[in-house]
């Protein structure tokens, strides 16, 4: 009797299992101090999210469209002085959007506040 009841309970649980895990919030790692400073610069001080408060600090900074440090050539380059806004942090890389509409991954150390 218990054996039959066990089978009866297992099938609904297996059916509901994907729904339970798909609804669980994703764990989010904390931001580094550099990422926090960049986020505050981008979204703080009463500026709108469409502002471009950062710029590219180094000449010819490679950007990647689908992920940092891909095993293929960069998708393009940002020239020094191009204005960007921080979209999100990704470890030692940041996702930025340029004034021209390009969104890509660049190294954190290639970003600066313009003077």
N, C-alpha and C. Protein backbone atom coordinates (compact mmCIF):
# COMPACT_ATOMS: atom_id res chain seq x y z
N UNK A 1 0.81 -1.19 0.00
CA UNK A 1 0.00 0.00 0.00
C UNK A 1 0.86 1.26 0.00
N UNK A 2 1.89 1.30 0.83
CA UNK A 2 2.76 2.47 0.87
C UNK A 2 3.50 2.61 -0.45
N UNK A 3 3.88 1.50 -1.04
CA UNK A 3 4.59 1.52 -2.31
C UNK A 3 3.74 2.21 -3.38
N UNK A 4 2.48 1.89 -3.48
CA UNK A 4 1.58 2.51 -4.46
C UNK A 4 1.35 3.98 -4.17
N UNK A 5 1.27 4.34 -2.89
CA UNK A 5 1.10 5.73 -2.51
C UNK A 5 2.34 6.55 -2.86
N UNK A 6 3.51 5.95 -2.73
CA UNK A 6 4.77 6.63 -3.09
C UNK A 6 4.80 6.99 -4.56
N UNK A 7 4.39 6.06 -5.42
CA UNK A 7 4.34 6.33 -6.86
C UNK A 7 3.34 7.44 -7.15
N UNK A 8 2.25 7.43 -6.45
CA UNK A 8 1.22 8.43 -6.66
C UNK A 8 1.73 9.83 -6.32
N UNK A 9 2.59 9.94 -5.32
CA UNK A 9 3.12 11.24 -4.91
C UNK A 9 4.32 11.68 -5.75
N UNK A 10 5.08 10.74 -6.27
CA UNK A 10 6.28 11.07 -7.03
C UNK A 10 5.94 11.76 -8.34
N UNK A 11 4.97 11.30 -9.07
CA UNK A 11 4.67 11.86 -10.39
C UNK A 11 4.24 13.32 -10.32
N UNK A 12 3.36 13.72 -9.41
CA UNK A 12 3.03 15.16 -9.33
C UNK A 12 4.24 16.01 -8.93
N UNK A 13 5.07 15.46 -8.07
CA UNK A 13 6.27 16.20 -7.65
C UNK A 13 7.22 16.40 -8.83
N UNK A 14 7.41 15.38 -9.62
CA UNK A 14 8.27 15.50 -10.79
C UNK A 14 7.70 16.50 -11.79
N UNK A 15 6.40 16.55 -11.89
CA UNK A 15 5.75 17.48 -12.81
C UNK A 15 5.93 18.92 -12.32
N UNK A 16 5.83 19.14 -11.02
CA UNK A 16 5.91 20.49 -10.47
C UNK A 16 7.34 20.99 -10.25
N UNK A 17 8.31 20.10 -10.22
CA UNK A 17 9.69 20.46 -9.94
C UNK A 17 10.23 21.55 -10.87
N UNK A 18 10.08 21.47 -12.19
CA UNK A 18 10.60 22.54 -13.05
C UNK A 18 9.97 23.90 -12.76
N UNK A 19 8.71 23.93 -12.39
CA UNK A 19 8.05 25.19 -12.10
C UNK A 19 8.59 25.83 -10.83
N UNK A 20 8.89 25.01 -9.85
CA UNK A 20 9.41 25.52 -8.59
C UNK A 20 10.76 26.18 -8.81
N UNK A 21 11.67 25.53 -9.57
CA UNK A 21 12.99 26.08 -9.78
C UNK A 21 13.00 27.24 -10.76
N UNK A 22 12.07 27.28 -11.70
CA UNK A 22 12.05 28.39 -12.64
C UNK A 22 11.54 29.66 -11.99
N UNK A 23 10.82 29.56 -10.89
CA UNK A 23 10.28 30.74 -10.20
C UNK A 23 11.22 31.25 -9.12
N UNK A 24 12.23 30.50 -8.79
CA UNK A 24 13.15 30.91 -7.72
C UNK A 24 13.99 32.08 -8.21
N UNK A 25 14.20 33.09 -7.37
CA UNK A 25 15.03 34.22 -7.78
C UNK A 25 16.47 33.78 -7.95
N UNK A 26 17.13 34.35 -8.96
CA UNK A 26 18.53 34.02 -9.21
C UNK A 26 19.38 34.68 -8.14
N UNK A 27 20.40 33.98 -7.70
CA UNK A 27 21.30 34.59 -6.73
C UNK A 27 22.17 35.60 -7.45
N UNK A 28 22.41 36.72 -6.81
CA UNK A 28 23.18 37.79 -7.42
C UNK A 28 24.40 38.05 -6.57
N UNK A 29 25.55 38.02 -7.21
CA UNK A 29 26.78 38.27 -6.48
C UNK A 29 26.90 39.76 -6.23
N UNK A 30 27.57 40.11 -5.17
CA UNK A 30 27.77 41.52 -4.84
C UNK A 30 28.68 42.19 -5.85
N UNK A 31 28.55 43.49 -5.98
CA UNK A 31 29.40 44.25 -6.88
C UNK A 31 30.70 44.60 -6.18
N UNK A 32 31.77 44.69 -6.97
CA UNK A 32 33.05 45.14 -6.42
C UNK A 32 32.96 46.63 -6.13
N UNK A 33 33.92 47.15 -5.41
CA UNK A 33 33.93 48.58 -5.08
C UNK A 33 34.00 49.41 -6.36
N UNK A 34 34.78 48.97 -7.34
CA UNK A 34 34.89 49.69 -8.62
C UNK A 34 33.56 49.70 -9.34
N UNK A 35 32.87 48.55 -9.39
CA UNK A 35 31.57 48.48 -10.05
C UNK A 35 30.56 49.38 -9.35
N UNK A 36 30.59 49.40 -8.00
CA UNK A 36 29.66 50.26 -7.26
C UNK A 36 29.91 51.72 -7.59
N UNK A 37 31.18 52.11 -7.65
CA UNK A 37 31.51 53.50 -7.98
C UNK A 37 31.04 53.85 -9.39
N UNK A 38 31.23 52.93 -10.32
CA UNK A 38 30.78 53.19 -11.70
C UNK A 38 29.27 53.27 -11.77
N UNK A 39 28.58 52.40 -11.05
CA UNK A 39 27.12 52.43 -11.05
C UNK A 39 26.60 53.73 -10.44
N UNK A 40 27.23 54.17 -9.35
CA UNK A 40 26.82 55.43 -8.72
C UNK A 40 27.06 56.60 -9.66
N UNK A 41 28.18 56.59 -10.38
CA UNK A 41 28.48 57.65 -11.33
C UNK A 41 27.45 57.66 -12.45
N UNK A 42 27.07 56.48 -12.91
CA UNK A 42 26.16 56.39 -14.04
C UNK A 42 24.73 56.72 -13.66
N UNK A 43 24.26 56.22 -12.54
CA UNK A 43 22.85 56.35 -12.22
C UNK A 43 22.57 57.30 -11.07
N UNK A 44 23.60 57.81 -10.40
CA UNK A 44 23.40 58.69 -9.27
C UNK A 44 23.35 60.15 -9.68
N UNK A 45 23.39 61.00 -8.69
CA UNK A 45 23.46 62.44 -8.86
C UNK A 45 22.31 63.01 -9.67
N UNK A 46 21.14 62.37 -9.64
CA UNK A 46 19.98 62.91 -10.33
C UNK A 46 20.03 62.82 -11.84
N UNK A 47 21.00 62.12 -12.39
CA UNK A 47 21.10 62.00 -13.84
C UNK A 47 20.14 60.93 -14.32
N UNK A 48 19.65 61.09 -15.52
CA UNK A 48 18.79 60.07 -16.09
C UNK A 48 19.64 58.92 -16.58
N UNK A 49 19.02 57.76 -16.74
CA UNK A 49 19.74 56.57 -17.20
C UNK A 49 20.22 56.72 -18.63
N UNK A 50 19.68 57.69 -19.39
CA UNK A 50 20.09 57.85 -20.79
C UNK A 50 21.33 58.72 -20.92
N UNK A 51 21.83 59.29 -19.81
CA UNK A 51 23.05 60.11 -19.86
C UNK A 51 24.25 59.20 -20.11
N UNK A 52 25.32 59.78 -20.62
CA UNK A 52 26.55 59.04 -20.90
C UNK A 52 27.69 59.68 -20.10
N UNK A 53 27.73 59.40 -18.78
CA UNK A 53 28.67 60.11 -17.90
C UNK A 53 30.09 59.56 -17.87
N UNK A 54 30.36 58.46 -18.55
CA UNK A 54 31.70 57.89 -18.57
C UNK A 54 32.29 58.02 -19.96
N UNK A 55 33.61 57.87 -20.04
CA UNK A 55 34.24 57.85 -21.36
C UNK A 55 35.30 56.76 -21.39
N UNK A 56 35.71 56.42 -22.59
CA UNK A 56 36.75 55.41 -22.80
C UNK A 56 38.09 56.09 -22.55
N UNK A 57 38.91 55.51 -21.67
CA UNK A 57 40.16 56.14 -21.24
C UNK A 57 41.35 55.77 -22.11
N UNK A 58 41.32 54.64 -22.76
CA UNK A 58 42.46 54.15 -23.52
C UNK A 58 42.17 54.20 -25.01
N UNK A 59 43.22 54.34 -25.83
CA UNK A 59 42.98 54.31 -27.28
C UNK A 59 42.64 52.89 -27.74
N UNK A 60 41.69 52.80 -28.65
CA UNK A 60 41.28 51.53 -29.27
C UNK A 60 41.00 50.42 -28.25
N UNK A 61 39.96 50.58 -27.50
CA UNK A 61 39.53 49.56 -26.54
C UNK A 61 38.61 48.58 -27.26
N UNK A 62 38.99 47.30 -27.23
CA UNK A 62 38.19 46.27 -27.89
C UNK A 62 36.90 46.04 -27.13
N UNK A 63 35.80 45.84 -27.87
CA UNK A 63 34.56 45.45 -27.22
C UNK A 63 34.04 44.17 -27.84
N UNK A 64 33.30 43.43 -27.02
CA UNK A 64 32.71 42.16 -27.43
C UNK A 64 31.20 42.24 -27.22
N UNK A 65 30.44 41.78 -28.16
CA UNK A 65 28.99 41.91 -28.09
C UNK A 65 28.33 40.86 -27.22
N UNK A 66 28.85 39.63 -27.21
CA UNK A 66 28.13 38.56 -26.51
C UNK A 66 28.82 38.03 -25.26
N UNK A 67 29.93 38.59 -24.86
CA UNK A 67 30.59 38.15 -23.64
C UNK A 67 32.03 38.60 -23.59
N UNK A 68 32.60 38.72 -22.40
CA UNK A 68 33.98 39.20 -22.29
C UNK A 68 35.00 38.15 -22.71
N UNK A 69 36.11 38.63 -23.23
CA UNK A 69 37.25 37.80 -23.62
C UNK A 69 36.85 36.56 -24.40
N UNK A 70 36.23 36.77 -25.52
CA UNK A 70 35.83 35.63 -26.35
C UNK A 70 37.05 35.05 -27.05
N UNK A 71 36.93 33.83 -27.49
CA UNK A 71 38.03 33.14 -28.18
C UNK A 71 38.00 33.47 -29.67
N UNK A 72 37.67 34.69 -29.98
CA UNK A 72 37.67 35.15 -31.37
C UNK A 72 38.00 36.64 -31.35
N UNK A 73 38.27 37.23 -32.49
CA UNK A 73 38.61 38.66 -32.51
C UNK A 73 37.48 39.51 -31.95
N UNK A 74 37.82 40.72 -31.48
CA UNK A 74 36.79 41.61 -30.95
C UNK A 74 35.77 41.96 -32.03
N UNK A 75 34.56 42.33 -31.58
CA UNK A 75 33.52 42.73 -32.52
C UNK A 75 33.74 44.15 -33.02
N UNK A 76 34.54 44.91 -32.31
CA UNK A 76 34.85 46.28 -32.72
C UNK A 76 35.71 46.96 -31.68
N UNK A 77 35.94 48.25 -31.89
CA UNK A 77 36.78 49.02 -30.99
C UNK A 77 36.11 50.35 -30.69
N UNK A 78 36.27 50.80 -29.43
CA UNK A 78 35.88 52.15 -29.04
C UNK A 78 37.17 52.98 -29.03
N UNK A 79 37.11 54.16 -29.58
CA UNK A 79 38.25 55.06 -29.56
C UNK A 79 38.25 55.86 -28.26
N UNK A 80 39.40 56.36 -27.88
CA UNK A 80 39.54 57.14 -26.65
C UNK A 80 38.60 58.35 -26.70
N UNK A 81 37.91 58.57 -25.57
CA UNK A 81 37.02 59.73 -25.47
C UNK A 81 35.57 59.45 -25.82
N UNK A 82 35.26 58.29 -26.38
CA UNK A 82 33.86 57.95 -26.70
C UNK A 82 33.07 57.93 -25.40
N UNK A 83 31.92 58.57 -25.38
CA UNK A 83 31.07 58.63 -24.19
C UNK A 83 30.23 57.37 -24.10
N UNK A 84 30.15 56.80 -22.88
CA UNK A 84 29.39 55.57 -22.64
C UNK A 84 28.66 55.68 -21.31
N UNK A 85 27.68 54.79 -21.12
CA UNK A 85 27.03 54.64 -19.82
C UNK A 85 27.14 53.19 -19.42
N UNK A 86 27.23 52.96 -18.13
CA UNK A 86 27.35 51.61 -17.59
C UNK A 86 25.98 50.94 -17.57
N UNK A 87 25.90 49.76 -18.15
CA UNK A 87 24.67 48.98 -18.12
C UNK A 87 24.72 48.02 -16.95
N UNK A 88 25.83 47.29 -16.81
CA UNK A 88 26.01 46.36 -15.69
C UNK A 88 27.46 45.97 -15.58
N UNK A 89 27.81 45.38 -14.44
CA UNK A 89 29.14 44.86 -14.22
C UNK A 89 29.18 43.39 -14.55
N UNK A 90 30.33 42.92 -14.99
CA UNK A 90 30.52 41.50 -15.30
C UNK A 90 31.93 41.09 -14.90
N UNK A 91 32.20 41.07 -13.61
CA UNK A 91 33.53 40.73 -13.12
C UNK A 91 34.51 41.85 -13.43
N UNK A 92 35.59 41.54 -14.13
CA UNK A 92 36.58 42.56 -14.48
C UNK A 92 36.17 43.32 -15.74
N UNK A 93 35.02 42.98 -16.29
CA UNK A 93 34.47 43.67 -17.46
C UNK A 93 33.19 44.38 -17.07
N UNK A 94 32.82 45.36 -17.87
CA UNK A 94 31.55 46.06 -17.70
C UNK A 94 30.81 46.04 -19.02
N UNK A 95 29.50 45.97 -18.95
CA UNK A 95 28.67 46.11 -20.14
C UNK A 95 28.35 47.60 -20.24
N UNK A 96 28.71 48.21 -21.37
CA UNK A 96 28.47 49.63 -21.57
C UNK A 96 27.68 49.84 -22.85
N UNK A 97 27.00 50.98 -22.91
CA UNK A 97 26.31 51.40 -24.12
C UNK A 97 26.92 52.72 -24.54
N UNK A 98 27.30 52.82 -25.81
CA UNK A 98 27.90 54.06 -26.30
C UNK A 98 26.82 55.01 -26.79
N UNK A 99 27.20 56.26 -27.01
CA UNK A 99 26.27 57.25 -27.55
C UNK A 99 25.74 56.84 -28.92
N UNK A 100 26.51 56.03 -29.64
CA UNK A 100 26.10 55.58 -30.97
C UNK A 100 25.21 54.35 -30.93
N UNK A 101 24.95 53.83 -29.72
CA UNK A 101 24.04 52.70 -29.58
C UNK A 101 24.67 51.34 -29.52
N UNK A 102 26.00 51.27 -29.53
CA UNK A 102 26.69 49.97 -29.43
C UNK A 102 26.73 49.56 -27.97
N UNK A 103 26.28 48.34 -27.67
CA UNK A 103 26.34 47.78 -26.32
C UNK A 103 27.32 46.62 -26.34
N UNK A 104 28.35 46.70 -25.52
CA UNK A 104 29.36 45.65 -25.51
C UNK A 104 30.10 45.58 -24.20
N UNK A 105 30.92 44.54 -24.07
CA UNK A 105 31.73 44.30 -22.89
C UNK A 105 33.10 44.95 -23.09
N UNK A 106 33.54 45.73 -22.11
CA UNK A 106 34.86 46.35 -22.13
C UNK A 106 35.51 46.14 -20.76
N UNK A 107 36.85 46.14 -20.70
CA UNK A 107 37.51 46.01 -19.39
C UNK A 107 37.18 47.20 -18.49
N UNK A 108 37.00 46.94 -17.20
CA UNK A 108 36.67 48.01 -16.25
C UNK A 108 37.71 49.12 -16.25
N UNK A 109 38.99 48.74 -16.38
CA UNK A 109 40.04 49.75 -16.31
C UNK A 109 40.12 50.65 -17.54
N UNK A 110 39.27 50.41 -18.53
CA UNK A 110 39.26 51.28 -19.71
C UNK A 110 38.22 52.40 -19.58
N UNK A 111 37.54 52.48 -18.44
CA UNK A 111 36.51 53.50 -18.24
C UNK A 111 37.00 54.58 -17.28
N UNK A 112 36.56 55.82 -17.54
CA UNK A 112 36.90 56.93 -16.65
C UNK A 112 35.78 57.97 -16.69
N UNK A 113 35.78 58.81 -15.67
CA UNK A 113 34.86 59.95 -15.68
C UNK A 113 35.55 61.03 -16.50
N UNK A 114 34.84 61.60 -17.48
CA UNK A 114 35.47 62.65 -18.29
C UNK A 114 35.78 63.88 -17.44
N UNK A 115 36.79 64.59 -17.87
CA UNK A 115 37.21 65.79 -17.13
C UNK A 115 36.50 66.99 -17.62
